């Protein structure tokens, strides 16, 4: 906020931010630290990556047995990445 902003507007802005913080805090839980949340997300990402790696190995084996490419298996099974 710059100097021309009234004290009333600043208070309204601060109250709005505090309300947003309260909503977010309720969503994640008051008893969880940021470190615990980050740690949980990292563990979930590791599990996801392991599952994805295993899937790619199986797709590679399927492609080899069908004598085609992994890309073609992705196309055939509608597994193309949207990026």
PDB file of N, CA and C in Angstrom:
ATOM      1  N   UNK A   1       0.847  -1.173   0.000  1.00  0.00           N
ATOM      2  CA  UNK A   1       0.000   0.000   0.000  1.00  0.00           C
ATOM      3  C   UNK A   1       0.895   1.239   0.000  1.00  0.00           C
ATOM      4  N   UNK A   2       0.496   2.222  -0.745  1.00  0.00           N
ATOM      5  CA  UNK A   2       1.285   3.449  -0.751  1.00  0.00           C
ATOM      6  C   UNK A   2       0.721   4.446   0.262  1.00  0.00           C
ATOM      7  N   UNK A   3       1.441   5.530   0.453  1.00  0.00           N
ATOM      8  CA  UNK A   3       1.128   6.475   1.529  1.00  0.00           C
ATOM      9  C   UNK A   3      -0.247   7.115   1.390  1.00  0.00           C
ATOM     10  N   UNK A   4      -0.779   7.205   0.175  1.00  0.00           N
ATOM     11  CA  UNK A   4      -2.064   7.872  -0.036  1.00  0.00           C
ATOM     12  C   UNK A   4      -3.248   6.998   0.377  1.00  0.00           C
ATOM     13  N   UNK A   5      -3.018   5.738   0.668  1.00  0.00           N
ATOM     14  CA  UNK A   5      -4.095   4.840   1.072  1.00  0.00           C
ATOM     15  C   UNK A   5      -4.521   5.155   2.498  1.00  0.00           C
ATOM     16  N   UNK A   6      -5.807   5.237   2.683  1.00  0.00           N
ATOM     17  CA  UNK A   6      -6.311   5.583   4.010  1.00  0.00           C
ATOM     18  C   UNK A   6      -6.129   4.428   4.986  1.00  0.00           C
ATOM     19  N   UNK A   7      -6.129   4.767   6.249  1.00  0.00           N
ATOM     20  CA  UNK A   7      -6.000   3.755   7.298  1.00  0.00           C
ATOM     21  C   UNK A   7      -7.174   2.774   7.229  1.00  0.00           C
ATOM     22  N   UNK A   8      -8.348   3.271   6.890  1.00  0.00           N
ATOM     23  CA  UNK A   8      -9.537   2.417   6.795  1.00  0.00           C
ATOM     24  C   UNK A   8      -9.366   1.382   5.679  1.00  0.00           C
ATOM     25  N   UNK A   9      -8.863   1.818   4.518  1.00  0.00           N
ATOM     26  CA  UNK A   9      -8.645   0.899   3.393  1.00  0.00           C
ATOM     27  C   UNK A   9      -7.569  -0.126   3.739  1.00  0.00           C
ATOM     28  N   UNK A  10      -6.526   0.315   4.420  1.00  0.00           N
ATOM     29  CA  UNK A  10      -5.470  -0.605   4.829  1.00  0.00           C
ATOM     30  C   UNK A  10      -6.031  -1.673   5.767  1.00  0.00           C
ATOM     31  N   UNK A  11      -6.854  -1.248   6.728  1.00  0.00           N
ATOM     32  CA  UNK A  11      -7.461  -2.187   7.679  1.00  0.00           C
ATOM     33  C   UNK A  11      -8.360  -3.180   6.944  1.00  0.00           C
ATOM     34  N   UNK A  12      -9.157  -2.698   5.984  1.00  0.00           N
ATOM     35  CA  UNK A  12     -10.018  -3.585   5.204  1.00  0.00           C
ATOM     36  C   UNK A  12      -9.188  -4.610   4.436  1.00  0.00           C
ATOM     37  N   UNK A  13      -8.083  -4.155   3.857  1.00  0.00           N
ATOM     38  CA  UNK A  13      -7.198  -5.037   3.108  1.00  0.00           C
ATOM     39  C   UNK A  13      -6.571  -6.087   4.017  1.00  0.00           C
ATOM     40  N   UNK A  14      -6.109  -5.677   5.157  1.00  0.00           N
ATOM     41  CA  UNK A  14      -5.512  -6.596   6.137  1.00  0.00           C
ATOM     42  C   UNK A  14      -6.553  -7.606   6.609  1.00  0.00           C
ATOM     43  N   UNK A  15      -7.773  -7.146   6.891  1.00  0.00           N
ATOM     44  CA  UNK A  15      -8.843  -8.059   7.319  1.00  0.00           C
ATOM     45  C   UNK A  15      -9.166  -9.074   6.227  1.00  0.00           C
ATOM     46  N   UNK A  16      -9.173  -8.621   4.980  1.00  0.00           N
ATOM     47  CA  UNK A  16      -9.441  -9.524   3.851  1.00  0.00           C
ATOM     48  C   UNK A  16      -8.351 -10.585   3.754  1.00  0.00           C
ATOM     49  N   UNK A  17      -7.097 -10.172   3.877  1.00  0.00           N
ATOM     50  CA  UNK A  17      -5.984 -11.120   3.833  1.00  0.00           C
ATOM     51  C   UNK A  17      -6.049 -12.112   4.990  1.00  0.00           C
ATOM     52  N   UNK A  18      -6.399 -11.619   6.172  1.00  0.00           N
ATOM     53  CA  UNK A  18      -6.497 -12.506   7.337  1.00  0.00           C
ATOM     54  C   UNK A  18      -7.609 -13.530   7.137  1.00  0.00           C
ATOM     55  N   UNK A  19      -8.730 -13.121   6.553  1.00  0.00           N
ATOM     56  CA  UNK A  19      -9.828 -14.051   6.277  1.00  0.00           C
ATOM     57  C   UNK A  19      -9.370 -15.129   5.293  1.00  0.00           C
ATOM     58  N   UNK A  20      -8.596 -14.726   4.291  1.00  0.00           N
ATOM     59  CA  UNK A  20      -8.066 -15.693   3.319  1.00  0.00           C
ATOM     60  C   UNK A  20      -7.104 -16.664   3.995  1.00  0.00           C
ATOM     61  N   UNK A  21      -6.265 -16.144   4.882  1.00  0.00           N
ATOM     62  CA  UNK A  21      -5.341 -17.001   5.633  1.00  0.00           C
ATOM     63  C   UNK A  21      -6.120 -18.008   6.466  1.00  0.00           C
ATOM     64  N   UNK A  22      -7.176 -17.553   7.129  1.00  0.00           N
ATOM     65  CA  UNK A  22      -7.990 -18.442   7.964  1.00  0.00           C
ATOM     66  C   UNK A  22      -8.613 -19.569   7.148  1.00  0.00           C
ATOM     67  N   UNK A  23      -9.118 -19.244   5.948  1.00  0.00           N
ATOM     68  CA  UNK A  23      -9.716 -20.264   5.072  1.00  0.00           C
ATOM     69  C   UNK A  23      -8.662 -21.287   4.668  1.00  0.00           C
ATOM     70  N   UNK A  24      -7.502 -20.811   4.262  1.00  0.00           N
ATOM     71  CA  UNK A  24      -6.428 -21.722   3.846  1.00  0.00           C
ATOM     72  C   UNK A  24      -5.932 -22.564   5.012  1.00  0.00           C
ATOM     73  N   UNK A  25      -5.832 -21.962   6.181  1.00  0.00           N
ATOM     74  CA  UNK A  25      -5.366 -22.688   7.360  1.00  0.00           C
ATOM     75  C   UNK A  25      -6.345 -23.801   7.721  1.00  0.00           C
ATOM     76  N   UNK A  26      -7.640 -23.545   7.602  1.00  0.00           N
ATOM     77  CA  UNK A  26      -8.642 -24.578   7.868  1.00  0.00           C
ATOM     78  C   UNK A  26      -8.504 -25.724   6.880  1.00  0.00           C
ATOM     79  N   UNK A  27      -8.196 -25.383   5.615  1.00  0.00           N
ATOM     80  CA  UNK A  27      -8.089 -26.404   4.583  1.00  0.00           C
ATOM     81  C   UNK A  27      -6.902 -27.336   4.834  1.00  0.00           C
ATOM     82  N   UNK A  28      -5.776 -26.792   5.256  1.00  0.00           N
ATOM     83  CA  UNK A  28      -4.595 -27.638   5.462  1.00  0.00           C
ATOM     84  C   UNK A  28      -4.506 -28.170   6.880  1.00  0.00           C
ATOM     85  N   UNK A  29      -5.217 -27.573   7.791  1.00  0.00           N
ATOM     86  CA  UNK A  29      -5.181 -28.015   9.180  1.00  0.00           C
ATOM     87  C   UNK A  29      -4.287 -27.117  10.007  1.00  0.00           C
ATOM     88  N   UNK A  30      -4.761 -26.793  11.173  1.00  0.00           N
ATOM     89  CA  UNK A  30      -4.005 -25.892  12.051  1.00  0.00           C
ATOM     90  C   UNK A  30      -2.772 -26.562  12.643  1.00  0.00           C
ATOM     91  N   UNK A  31      -2.811 -27.889  12.720  1.00  0.00           N
ATOM     92  CA  UNK A  31      -1.727 -28.596  13.392  1.00  0.00           C
ATOM     93  C   UNK A  31      -0.609 -29.035  12.450  1.00  0.00           C
ATOM     94  N   UNK A  32      -0.712 -28.740  11.148  1.00  0.00           N
ATOM     95  CA  UNK A  32       0.315 -29.172  10.208  1.00  0.00           C
ATOM     96  C   UNK A  32       1.287 -28.041   9.913  1.00  0.00           C
ATOM     97  N   UNK A  33       2.551 -28.363   9.996  1.00  0.00           N
ATOM     98  CA  UNK A  33       3.567 -27.357   9.678  1.00  0.00           C
ATOM     99  C   UNK A  33       3.814 -27.364   8.167  1.00  0.00           C
ATOM    100  N   UNK A  34       4.390 -26.304   7.683  1.00  0.00           N
ATOM    101  CA  UNK A  34       4.719 -26.220   6.258  1.00  0.00           C
ATOM    102  C   UNK A  34       5.683 -27.347   5.872  1.00  0.00           C
ATOM    103  N   UNK A  35       6.608 -27.665   6.752  1.00  0.00           N
ATOM    104  CA  UNK A  35       7.577 -28.723   6.473  1.00  0.00           C
ATOM    105  C   UNK A  35       6.885 -30.076   6.313  1.00  0.00           C
ATOM    106  N   UNK A  36       5.890 -30.349   7.157  1.00  0.00           N
ATOM    107  CA  UNK A  36       5.170 -31.617   7.074  1.00  0.00           C
ATOM    108  C   UNK A  36       4.384 -31.711   5.775  1.00  0.00           C
ATOM    109  N   UNK A  37       3.775 -30.611   5.366  1.00  0.00           N
ATOM    110  CA  UNK A  37       3.008 -30.595   4.119  1.00  0.00           C
ATOM    111  C   UNK A  37       3.934 -30.817   2.932  1.00  0.00           C
ATOM    112  N   UNK A  38       5.055 -30.123   2.901  1.00  0.00           N
ATOM    113  CA  UNK A  38       6.009 -30.272   1.801  1.00  0.00           C
ATOM    114  C   UNK A  38       6.555 -31.696   1.771  1.00  0.00           C
ATOM    115  N   UNK A  39       6.875 -32.233   2.922  1.00  0.00           N
ATOM    116  CA  UNK A  39       7.397 -33.594   3.004  1.00  0.00           C
ATOM    117  C   UNK A  39       6.388 -34.603   2.461  1.00  0.00           C
ATOM    118  N   UNK A  40       5.118 -34.431   2.820  1.00  0.00           N
ATOM    119  CA  UNK A  40       4.075 -35.331   2.329  1.00  0.00           C
ATOM    120  C   UNK A  40       3.955 -35.247   0.808  1.00  0.00           C
ATOM    121  N   UNK A  41       3.993 -34.029   0.274  1.00  0.00           N
ATOM    122  CA  UNK A  41       3.889 -33.860  -1.175  1.00  0.00           C
ATOM    123  C   UNK A  41       5.082 -34.473  -1.895  1.00  0.00           C
ATOM    124  N   UNK A  42       6.263 -34.338  -1.327  1.00  0.00           N
ATOM    125  CA  UNK A  42       7.449 -34.949  -1.928  1.00  0.00           C
ATOM    126  C   UNK A  42       7.300 -36.462  -1.944  1.00  0.00           C
ATOM    127  N   UNK A  43       6.830 -37.048  -0.837  1.00  0.00           N
ATOM    128  CA  UNK A  43       6.617 -38.495  -0.794  1.00  0.00           C
ATOM    129  C   UNK A  43       5.586 -38.932  -1.827  1.00  0.00           C
ATOM    130  N   UNK A  44       4.512 -38.175  -1.973  1.00  0.00           N
ATOM    131  CA  UNK A  44       3.503 -38.506  -2.979  1.00  0.00           C
ATOM    132  C   UNK A  44       4.073 -38.416  -4.389  1.00  0.00           C
ATOM    133  N   UNK A  45       4.914 -37.418  -4.636  1.00  0.00           N
ATOM    134  CA  UNK A  45       5.554 -37.311  -5.953  1.00  0.00           C
ATOM    135  C   UNK A  45       6.475 -38.487  -6.232  1.00  0.00           C
ATOM    136  N   UNK A  46       7.202 -38.946  -5.221  1.00  0.00           N
ATOM    137  CA  UNK A  46       8.062 -40.116  -5.390  1.00  0.00           C
ATOM    138  C   UNK A  46       7.228 -41.335  -5.763  1.00  0.00           C
ATOM    139  N   UNK A  47       6.116 -41.540  -5.063  1.00  0.00           N
ATOM    140  CA  UNK A  47       5.232 -42.679  -5.354  1.00  0.00           C
ATOM    141  C   UNK A  47       4.673 -42.586  -6.767  1.00  0.00           C
ATOM    142  N   UNK A  48       4.251 -41.386  -7.159  1.00  0.00           N
ATOM    143  CA  UNK A  48       3.732 -41.170  -8.510  1.00  0.00           C
ATOM    144  C   UNK A  48       4.801 -41.501  -9.549  1.00  0.00           C
ATOM    145  N   UNK A  49       6.013 -40.992  -9.345  1.00  0.00           N
ATOM    146  CA  UNK A  49       7.097 -41.235 -10.306  1.00  0.00           C
ATOM    147  C   UNK A  49       7.450 -42.710 -10.401  1.00  0.00           C
ATOM    148  N   UNK A  50       7.440 -43.420  -9.284  1.00  0.00           N
ATOM    149  CA  UNK A  50       7.713 -44.858  -9.314  1.00  0.00           C
ATOM    150  C   UNK A  50       6.644 -45.603 -10.108  1.00  0.00           C
ATOM    151  N   UNK A  51       5.384 -45.236  -9.900  1.00  0.00           N
ATOM    152  CA  UNK A  51       4.289 -45.868 -10.647  1.00  0.00           C
ATOM    153  C   UNK A  51       4.400 -45.541 -12.130  1.00  0.00           C
ATOM    154  N   UNK A  52       4.720 -44.304 -12.438  1.00  0.00           N
ATOM    155  CA  UNK A  52       4.862 -43.904 -13.843  1.00  0.00           C
ATOM    156  C   UNK A  52       6.021 -44.653 -14.496  1.00  0.00           C
ATOM    157  N   UNK A  53       7.147 -44.768 -13.802  1.00  0.00           N
ATOM    158  CA  UNK A  53       8.296 -45.502 -14.337  1.00  0.00           C
ATOM    159  C   UNK A  53       7.940 -46.960 -14.603  1.00  0.00           C
ATOM    160  N   UNK A  54       7.245 -47.598 -13.667  1.00  0.00           N
ATOM    161  CA  UNK A  54       6.843 -48.996 -13.845  1.00  0.00           C
ATOM    162  C   UNK A  54       5.906 -49.136 -15.037  1.00  0.00           C
ATOM    163  N   UNK A  55       5.005 -48.194 -15.192  1.00  0.00           N
ATOM    164  CA  UNK A  55       4.081 -48.211 -16.321  1.00  0.00           C
ATOM    165  C   UNK A  55       4.833 -48.086 -17.636  1.00  0.00           C
ATOM    166  N   UNK A  56       5.817 -47.209 -17.676  1.00  0.00           N
ATOM    167  CA  UNK A  56       6.590 -47.034 -18.905  1.00  0.00           C
ATOM    168  C   UNK A  56       7.387 -48.293 -19.251  1.00  0.00           C
ATOM    169  N   UNK A  57       7.861 -48.990 -18.247  1.00  0.00           N
ATOM    170  CA  UNK A  57       8.570 -50.255 -18.494  1.00  0.00           C
ATOM    171  C   UNK A  57       7.614 -51.262 -19.135  1.00  0.00           C
ATOM    172  N   UNK A  58       6.408 -51.362 -18.576  1.00  0.00           N
ATOM    173  CA  UNK A  58       5.418 -52.290 -19.135  1.00  0.00           C
ATOM    174  C   UNK A  58       5.011 -51.900 -20.551  1.00  0.00           C
ATOM    175  N   UNK A  59       4.844 -50.619 -20.795  1.00  0.00           N
ATOM    176  CA  UNK A  59       4.503 -50.161 -22.139  1.00  0.00           C
ATOM    177  C   UNK A  59       5.645 -50.476 -23.104  1.00  0.00           C
ATOM    178  N   UNK A  60       6.866 -50.315 -22.644  1.00  0.00           N
ATOM    179  CA  UNK A  60       8.024 -50.666 -23.468  1.00  0.00           C
ATOM    180  C   UNK A  60       8.041 -52.141 -23.822  1.00  0.00           C
ATOM    181  N   UNK A  61       7.726 -52.992 -22.857  1.00  0.00           N
ATOM    182  CA  UNK A  61       7.668 -54.443 -23.114  1.00  0.00           C
ATOM    183  C   UNK A  61       6.531 -54.785 -24.072  1.00  0.00           C
ATOM    184  N   UNK A  62       5.388 -54.128 -23.908  1.00  0.00           N
ATOM    185  CA  UNK A  62       4.259 -54.346 -24.802  1.00  0.00           C
ATOM    186  C   UNK A  62       4.623 -53.929 -26.224  1.00  0.00           C
ATOM    187  N   UNK A  63       5.282 -52.789 -26.354  1.00  0.00           N
ATOM    188  CA  UNK A  63       5.709 -52.319 -27.676  1.00  0.00           C
ATOM    189  C   UNK A  63       6.670 -53.310 -28.316  1.00  0.00           C
ATOM    190  N   UNK A  64       7.598 -53.841 -27.533  1.00  0.00           N
ATOM    191  CA  UNK A  64       8.554 -54.815 -28.065  1.00  0.00           C
ATOM    192  C   UNK A  64       7.838 -56.082 -28.515  1.00  0.00           C
ATOM    193  N   UNK A  65       6.870 -56.540 -27.709  1.00  0.00           N
ATOM    194  CA  UNK A  65       6.169 -57.773 -28.081  1.00  0.00           C
ATOM    195  C   UNK A  65       5.287 -57.578 -29.308  1.00  0.00           C
ATOM    196  N   UNK A  66       4.797 -56.378 -29.531  1.00  0.00           N
ATOM    197  CA  UNK A  66       3.970 -56.084 -30.704  1.00  0.00           C
ATOM    198  C   UNK A  66       4.801 -55.572 -31.882  1.00  0.00           C
ATOM    199  N   UNK A  67       6.109 -55.469 -31.653  1.00  0.00           N
ATOM    200  CA  UNK A  67       7.041 -54.974 -32.661  1.00  0.00           C
ATOM    201  C   UNK A  67       6.610 -53.610 -33.201  1.00  0.00           C
ATOM    202  N   UNK A  68       6.358 -52.718 -32.268  1.00  0.00           N
ATOM    203  CA  UNK A  68       5.983 -51.350 -32.594  1.00  0.00           C
ATOM    204  C   UNK A  68       6.731 -50.417 -31.661  1.00  0.00           C
ATOM    205  N   UNK A  69       6.432 -49.153 -31.727  1.00  0.00           N
ATOM    206  CA  UNK A  69       7.125 -48.171 -30.880  1.00  0.00           C
ATOM    207  C   UNK A  69       6.307 -47.855 -29.636  1.00  0.00           C
ATOM    208  N   UNK A  70       6.993 -47.362 -28.635  1.00  0.00           N
ATOM    209  CA  UNK A  70       6.313 -46.912 -27.420  1.00  0.00           C
ATOM    210  C   UNK A  70       5.349 -45.781 -27.771  1.00  0.00           C
ATOM    211  N   UNK A  71       5.785 -44.913 -28.655  1.00  0.00           N
ATOM    212  CA  UNK A  71       4.920 -43.805 -29.090  1.00  0.00           C
ATOM    213  C   UNK A  71       3.615 -44.342 -29.683  1.00  0.00           C
ATOM    214  N   UNK A  72       3.707 -45.378 -30.506  1.00  0.00           N
ATOM    215  CA  UNK A  72       2.501 -45.931 -31.118  1.00  0.00           C
ATOM    216  C   UNK A  72       1.580 -46.560 -30.062  1.00  0.00           C
ATOM    217  N   UNK A  73       2.164 -47.190 -29.056  1.00  0.00           N
ATOM    218  CA  UNK A  73       1.352 -47.748 -27.964  1.00  0.00           C
ATOM    219  C   UNK A  73       0.637 -46.607 -27.238  1.00  0.00           C
ATOM    220  N   UNK A  74       1.348 -45.526 -26.993  1.00  0.00           N
ATOM    221  CA  UNK A  74       0.718 -44.361 -26.354  1.00  0.00           C
ATOM    222  C   UNK A  74      -0.453 -43.858 -27.189  1.00  0.00           C
ATOM    223  N   UNK A  75      -0.275 -43.785 -28.498  1.00  0.00           N
ATOM    224  CA  UNK A  75      -1.346 -43.331 -29.383  1.00  0.00           C
ATOM    225  C   UNK A  75      -2.504 -44.328 -29.345  1.00  0.00           C
ATOM    226  N   UNK A  76      -2.195 -45.607 -29.472  1.00  0.00           N
ATOM    227  CA  UNK A  76      -3.235 -46.646 -29.501  1.00  0.00           C
ATOM    228  C   UNK A  76      -4.061 -46.672 -28.216  1.00  0.00           C
ATOM    229  N   UNK A  77      -3.413 -46.389 -27.080  1.00  0.00           N
ATOM    230  CA  UNK A  77      -4.103 -46.459 -25.781  1.00  0.00           C
ATOM    231  C   UNK A  77      -4.555 -45.078 -25.312  1.00  0.00           C
ATOM    232  N   UNK A  78      -4.459 -44.089 -26.186  1.00  0.00           N
ATOM    233  CA  UNK A  78      -4.863 -42.725 -25.865  1.00  0.00           C
ATOM    234  C   UNK A  78      -4.145 -42.206 -24.611  1.00  0.00           C
ATOM    235  N   UNK A  79      -2.835 -42.402 -24.597  1.00  0.00           N
ATOM    236  CA  UNK A  79      -2.016 -41.985 -23.456  1.00  0.00           C
ATOM    237  C   UNK A  79      -1.125 -40.800 -23.804  1.00  0.00           C
ATOM    238  N   UNK A  80      -1.438 -40.107 -24.879  1.00  0.00           N
ATOM    239  CA  UNK A  80      -0.593 -38.995 -25.292  1.00  0.00           C
ATOM    240  C   UNK A  80      -0.646 -37.873 -24.275  1.00  0.00           C
ATOM    241  N   UNK A  81       0.509 -37.278 -24.024  1.00  0.00           N
ATOM    242  CA  UNK A  81       0.629 -36.158 -23.101  1.00  0.00           C
ATOM    243  C   UNK A  81       0.034 -34.925 -23.763  1.00  0.00           C
ATOM    244  N   UNK A  82      -0.772 -34.166 -23.028  1.00  0.00           N
ATOM    245  CA  UNK A  82      -1.427 -32.990 -23.589  1.00  0.00           C
ATOM    246  C   UNK A  82      -0.545 -31.762 -23.642  1.00  0.00           C
ATOM    247  N   UNK A  83       0.685 -31.869 -23.189  1.00  0.00           N
ATOM    248  CA  UNK A  83       1.558 -30.690 -23.145  1.00  0.00           C
ATOM    249  C   UNK A  83       2.149 -30.402 -24.498  1.00  0.00           C
TER     250      UNK A  83
END
